Amino acid sequence: MLNSLRQVGGFLLLMTLITGVLYPAVVTGTAQLLFKHTANGSLIEREGKVVGSALIGQNFSGEGYFHPRPSSAGKDGYDAAASSGSNLGVATKSLNEAIAQRVAALRHDDRPVPADLAMASGSGLDPHLSPSAAAYQIDRVANARKLPRERVEALVKQHTEGRQLGFLGEPRVNVLALNLALDALP
């Protein structure tokens, strides 16, 4: 019996070292060597200060900024510690009322409001907009910043990312990167 306990204890120690120390160290080391920026959260820095992550949406509410998708993550939205959707179904009255309010607030002409400006993403922290949602906001941003519409439109096109590997996903615009590019304009 004592011999069996030693064997089991030795095996437990060996597996703890392999799966709890060696494997995580190899994976972390590999990620740091090959994908350092991504492994560290895709943080974006300006003047030595972290201003956000390319992977996590944050709120921009000023008229001179592109606004992200609505967020239901946390009490006030955009809370990375409370990442989740609203879990409301399409037939839920409160969800439909919230969407109707967002559409009414956004509508300023006869164009349809892009869905991603009216509805939150599954995580509530999606950092991207569709190109049509970014284009919908160009006039507001250009007017607020007193910039020619064409210049803001060109900036949106510059920051539109294509499909991954040419066929995965949809074209998208990272809101933080676009707003930082706007702030960098002379």
Protein backbone atom coordinates (compact mmCIF):
# COMPACT_ATOMS: atom_id res chain seq x y z
CA MET A 1 0.00 0.00 0.00
CA LEU A 2 2.79 2.45 0.91
CA ASN A 3 4.55 1.63 -2.37
CA SER A 4 1.36 2.39 -4.33
CA LEU A 5 0.98 5.74 -2.55
CA ARG A 6 4.56 6.68 -3.46
CA GLN A 7 3.95 5.78 -7.09
CA VAL A 8 0.70 7.78 -7.19
CA GLY A 9 2.35 10.72 -5.39
CA GLY A 10 5.30 10.65 -7.78
CA PHE A 11 3.00 10.52 -10.80
CA LEU A 12 0.94 13.42 -9.39
CA LEU A 13 4.09 15.48 -8.88
CA LEU A 14 5.36 14.67 -12.39
CA MET A 15 2.04 15.58 -14.04
CA THR A 16 1.79 18.78 -11.96
CA LEU A 17 5.24 19.83 -13.18
CA ILE A 18 4.46 18.96 -16.81
CA THR A 19 0.95 20.41 -17.05
CA GLY A 20 1.21 23.16 -14.44
CA VAL A 21 4.73 24.48 -15.04
CA LEU A 22 6.48 23.13 -18.14
CA TYR A 23 3.58 23.32 -20.64
CA PRO A 24 2.43 26.86 -19.62
CA ALA A 25 6.05 28.07 -19.70
CA VAL A 26 6.56 26.69 -23.23
CA VAL A 27 3.26 28.14 -24.52
CA THR A 28 3.87 31.54 -22.89
CA GLY A 29 7.48 31.65 -24.11
CA THR A 30 6.46 30.72 -27.65
CA ALA A 31 3.71 33.34 -27.67
CA GLN A 32 6.13 36.00 -26.41
CA LEU A 33 8.69 35.10 -29.07
CA LEU A 34 6.37 34.77 -32.05
CA PHE A 35 3.34 36.93 -31.24
CA LYS A 36 4.47 39.42 -28.60
CA HIS A 37 1.99 42.21 -29.42
CA THR A 38 -1.01 39.87 -29.55
CA ALA A 39 0.06 37.82 -26.52
CA ASN A 40 0.27 41.00 -24.47
CA GLY A 41 -3.29 42.07 -25.30
CA SER A 42 -2.74 44.10 -28.49
CA LEU A 43 -2.30 47.21 -26.39
CA ILE A 44 -2.16 50.56 -28.16
CA GLU A 45 0.15 53.19 -26.72
CA ARG A 46 0.41 56.92 -27.39
CA GLU A 47 3.29 58.92 -25.91
CA GLY A 48 4.27 56.01 -23.65
CA LYS A 49 0.77 55.62 -22.19
CA VAL A 50 -1.63 52.73 -22.88
CA VAL A 51 -4.82 54.17 -24.37
CA GLY A 52 -6.63 50.92 -25.07
CA SER A 53 -6.54 47.56 -26.77
CA ALA A 54 -7.25 46.79 -30.40
CA LEU A 55 -9.27 43.81 -29.13
CA ILE A 56 -11.64 45.50 -26.66
CA GLY A 57 -14.21 48.13 -27.53
CA GLN A 58 -14.47 51.33 -25.55
CA ASN A 59 -16.92 54.17 -25.52
CA PHE A 60 -16.47 57.31 -27.60
CA SER A 61 -19.32 59.74 -27.27
CA GLY A 62 -18.07 63.09 -28.59
CA GLU A 63 -19.47 64.37 -31.88
CA GLY A 64 -15.96 64.45 -33.36
CA TYR A 65 -15.42 60.73 -32.82
CA PHE A 66 -16.72 57.60 -34.45
CA HIS A 67 -19.03 55.88 -32.00
CA PRO A 68 -18.70 52.12 -31.42
CA ARG A 69 -21.42 49.53 -31.17
CA PRO A 70 -23.62 49.85 -28.10
CA SER A 71 -22.43 47.79 -25.17
CA SER A 72 -24.37 45.81 -22.59
CA ALA A 73 -21.21 44.77 -20.71
CA GLY A 74 -21.63 46.01 -17.17
CA LYS A 75 -23.90 48.66 -15.72
CA ASP A 76 -22.64 51.51 -17.90
CA GLY A 77 -21.35 49.38 -20.78
CA TYR A 78 -17.81 48.74 -22.00
CA ASP A 79 -16.82 47.04 -18.73
CA ALA A 80 -14.26 44.38 -19.66
CA ALA A 81 -14.74 42.69 -16.29
CA ALA A 82 -18.43 42.15 -17.10
CA SER A 83 -18.18 41.08 -20.73
CA SER A 84 -21.46 39.62 -21.87
CA GLY A 85 -24.43 40.25 -24.04
CA SER A 86 -27.79 41.29 -22.70
CA ASN A 87 -29.15 37.73 -23.14
CA LEU A 88 -32.42 39.25 -24.35
CA GLY A 89 -34.22 37.46 -27.16
CA VAL A 90 -35.47 39.14 -30.33
CA ALA A 91 -39.04 39.09 -29.04
CA THR A 92 -38.15 40.82 -25.76
CA LYS A 93 -39.99 44.12 -25.38
CA SER A 94 -37.13 45.89 -23.56
CA LEU A 95 -34.60 44.92 -26.26
CA ASN A 96 -36.86 46.12 -29.06
CA GLU A 97 -37.52 49.39 -27.22
CA ALA A 98 -33.78 49.95 -26.68
CA ILE A 99 -33.06 49.30 -30.36
CA ALA A 100 -35.89 51.64 -31.42
CA GLN A 101 -34.51 54.38 -29.15
CA ARG A 102 -31.01 53.96 -30.57
CA VAL A 103 -32.28 54.07 -34.15
CA ALA A 104 -34.37 57.18 -33.42
CA ALA A 105 -31.35 58.91 -31.86
CA LEU A 106 -29.11 58.01 -34.80
CA ARG A 107 -31.47 58.65 -37.71
CA HIS A 108 -30.83 62.03 -39.28
CA ASP A 109 -31.90 61.39 -42.88
CA ASP A 110 -33.68 58.72 -44.93
CA ARG A 111 -30.76 56.27 -44.89
CA PRO A 112 -31.28 53.09 -42.87
CA VAL A 113 -29.26 52.92 -39.65
CA PRO A 114 -26.69 50.07 -39.86
CA ALA A 115 -27.58 47.23 -37.50
CA ASP A 116 -24.27 47.33 -35.65
CA LEU A 117 -24.97 50.90 -34.51
CA ALA A 118 -28.31 49.83 -33.02
CA MET A 119 -27.47 46.44 -31.49
CA ALA A 120 -24.74 45.36 -29.09
CA SER A 121 -22.40 42.51 -29.93
CA GLY A 122 -22.45 39.19 -28.10
CA SER A 123 -19.59 40.19 -25.81
CA GLY A 124 -20.61 43.82 -25.48
CA LEU A 125 -16.99 44.75 -26.21
CA ASP A 126 -16.64 44.41 -29.98
CA PRO A 127 -13.93 46.88 -31.06
CA HIS A 128 -15.05 46.92 -34.70
CA LEU A 129 -17.76 48.45 -36.82
CA SER A 130 -18.83 47.48 -40.29
CA PRO A 131 -17.61 49.85 -43.02
CA SER A 132 -21.24 50.91 -43.55
CA ALA A 133 -21.60 51.85 -39.85
CA ALA A 134 -18.41 53.92 -40.06
CA ALA A 135 -19.57 55.53 -43.32
CA TYR A 136 -22.90 56.42 -41.68
CA GLN A 137 -20.99 58.61 -39.19
CA ILE A 138 -18.62 60.37 -41.60
CA ASP A 139 -20.70 63.54 -42.02
CA ARG A 140 -21.15 64.04 -38.27
CA VAL A 141 -17.44 63.55 -37.56
CA ALA A 142 -16.34 65.76 -40.47
CA ASN A 143 -18.69 68.57 -39.41
CA ALA A 144 -17.66 68.38 -35.75
CA ARG A 145 -13.95 68.49 -36.64
CA LYS A 146 -14.42 70.99 -39.47
CA LEU A 147 -12.72 68.64 -41.90
CA PRO A 148 -13.59 67.97 -45.53
CA ARG A 149 -15.86 64.93 -45.83
CA GLU A 150 -13.46 63.39 -48.35
CA ARG A 151 -10.59 63.48 -45.84
CA VAL A 152 -12.60 61.65 -43.18
CA GLU A 153 -13.91 59.21 -45.78
CA ALA A 154 -10.33 58.47 -46.90
CA LEU A 155 -9.34 57.85 -43.28
CA VAL A 156 -12.18 55.34 -42.89
CA LYS A 157 -11.07 53.54 -46.06
CA GLN A 158 -7.46 53.50 -44.78
CA HIS A 159 -8.59 51.84 -41.56
CA THR A 160 -10.93 49.30 -43.13
CA GLU A 161 -9.50 45.83 -42.63
CA GLY A 162 -10.37 43.14 -45.16
CA ARG A 163 -11.41 39.56 -44.57
CA GLN A 164 -8.82 37.42 -42.82
CA LEU A 165 -6.95 35.24 -45.32
CA GLY A 166 -9.16 36.80 -47.97
CA PHE A 167 -12.27 34.78 -47.10
CA LEU A 168 -12.83 34.64 -43.33
CA GLY A 169 -15.09 37.12 -41.57
CA GLU A 170 -16.27 40.44 -42.88
CA PRO A 171 -14.54 43.73 -43.62
CA ARG A 172 -14.33 45.84 -40.46
CA VAL A 173 -13.07 49.10 -39.00
CA ASN A 174 -11.37 49.27 -35.60
CA VAL A 175 -13.01 52.23 -33.84
CA LEU A 176 -10.10 52.99 -31.49
CA ALA A 177 -7.51 52.97 -34.28
CA LEU A 178 -9.73 55.19 -36.45
CA ASN A 179 -10.34 57.70 -33.64
CA LEU A 180 -6.65 57.82 -32.76
CA ALA A 181 -5.87 58.50 -36.42
CA LEU A 182 -8.39 61.35 -36.34
CA ASP A 183 -6.71 62.81 -33.26
CA ALA A 184 -3.33 62.59 -35.01
CA LEU A 185 -4.47 64.74 -37.93
CA PRO A 186 -2.79 68.15 -38.07
